[in-house]
Amino acid sequence: MTRACLFAAACMTLALAGCGGRESLKPLPNQALPALPTGAKTAPTAAQLMSPSMQARPQRNVELLTQSQERADDTFDLPPEHKPQ
């Protein structure tokens, strides 16, 4: 391929990448909205439905270990029972 062909392909790729729609989402004319959640007084908006809850995206604990510590004794860490054959 020539450089001109590669340049044209790159320009087309960039042009197609910028073609995404920027309109807000709306339900179709004959389609019903989702059911009202149990216990809710009003229906959630589209933005509320699209944002994840804290349970879906919990915060991470990024605390690093600064020194080694020996594991505490676990009373439930028992060897397997011996089964006679």
Protein backbone atom coordinates (compact mmCIF):
# COMPACT_ATOMS: atom_id res chain seq x y z
CA MET A 1 0.00 0.00 0.00
CA THR A 2 1.13 3.49 -0.61
CA ARG A 3 1.36 6.22 2.00
CA ALA A 4 -1.57 8.06 0.47
CA CYS A 5 -3.74 4.95 0.80
CA LEU A 6 -2.73 4.49 4.46
CA PHE A 7 -3.37 8.17 5.17
CA ALA A 8 -6.82 7.94 3.57
CA ALA A 9 -7.65 4.83 5.61
CA ALA A 10 -6.54 6.57 8.82
CA CYS A 11 -8.66 9.64 8.02
CA MET A 12 -11.71 7.48 7.32
CA THR A 13 -11.22 5.61 10.59
CA LEU A 14 -11.04 8.87 12.54
CA ALA A 15 -14.10 10.23 10.74
CA LEU A 16 -16.12 7.10 11.54
CA ALA A 17 -15.04 7.21 15.18
CA GLY A 18 -16.59 10.66 15.56
CA CYS A 19 -19.98 9.68 14.14
CA GLY A 20 -21.55 8.55 17.44
CA GLY A 21 -24.95 9.94 18.40
CA ARG A 22 -25.10 12.50 21.20
CA GLU A 23 -28.86 12.54 21.84
CA SER A 24 -30.40 11.50 25.15
CA LEU A 25 -32.05 8.08 25.29
CA LYS A 26 -35.83 7.98 24.94
CA PRO A 27 -38.23 5.03 24.97
CA LEU A 28 -39.83 4.00 21.70
CA PRO A 29 -43.33 5.44 21.11
CA ASN A 30 -45.20 2.14 21.69
CA GLN A 31 -42.92 0.77 24.40
CA ALA A 32 -43.78 1.01 28.11
CA LEU A 33 -41.32 2.30 30.67
CA PRO A 34 -39.79 -0.16 33.16
CA ALA A 35 -41.89 -1.11 36.18
CA LEU A 36 -41.64 1.03 39.30
CA PRO A 37 -39.20 -0.57 41.79
CA THR A 38 -40.71 -1.96 44.99
CA GLY A 39 -40.83 0.69 47.69
CA ALA A 40 -39.98 3.59 45.36
CA LYS A 41 -42.24 6.64 45.30
CA THR A 42 -41.18 7.77 41.82
CA ALA A 43 -39.71 6.07 38.79
CA PRO A 44 -35.91 6.42 38.45
CA THR A 45 -34.62 8.67 35.69
CA ALA A 46 -32.41 7.42 32.86
CA ALA A 47 -29.34 8.93 34.54
CA GLN A 48 -30.15 7.11 37.81
CA LEU A 49 -30.58 3.82 35.96
CA MET A 50 -27.26 4.25 34.13
CA SER A 51 -25.16 5.11 37.19
CA PRO A 52 -23.95 2.07 39.18
CA SER A 53 -24.74 1.77 42.87
CA MET A 54 -22.08 1.58 45.59
CA GLN A 55 -22.77 -2.13 45.87
CA ALA A 56 -22.06 -2.59 42.16
CA ARG A 57 -18.83 -0.53 42.30
CA PRO A 58 -17.34 -0.68 45.80
CA GLN A 59 -14.32 1.41 46.63
CA ARG A 60 -11.04 -0.45 46.75
CA ASN A 61 -8.73 -0.64 49.72
CA VAL A 62 -5.29 0.21 48.40
CA GLU A 63 -3.46 0.06 51.71
CA LEU A 64 -0.14 -1.71 51.20
CA LEU A 65 1.45 -4.05 53.70
CA THR A 66 4.34 -2.26 55.34
CA GLN A 67 5.69 -5.21 57.31
CA SER A 68 5.15 -8.95 57.43
CA GLN A 69 2.96 -10.34 60.17
CA GLU A 70 2.64 -13.94 61.24
CA ARG A 71 -0.80 -15.41 60.77
CA ALA A 72 -2.90 -15.90 63.87
CA ASP A 73 -3.81 -19.44 64.89
CA ASP A 74 -7.02 -20.62 63.18
CA THR A 75 -9.01 -23.05 65.34
CA PHE A 76 -11.04 -24.19 62.31
CA ASP A 77 -7.98 -25.10 60.21
CA LEU A 78 -8.17 -28.85 60.88
CA PRO A 79 -6.60 -31.67 58.88
CA PRO A 80 -9.00 -33.83 56.85
CA GLU A 81 -10.53 -36.82 58.60
CA HIS A 82 -8.92 -40.16 57.92
CA LYS A 83 -11.34 -42.50 56.17
CA PRO A 84 -10.69 -46.25 56.48
CA GLN A 85 -10.56 -48.13 53.22
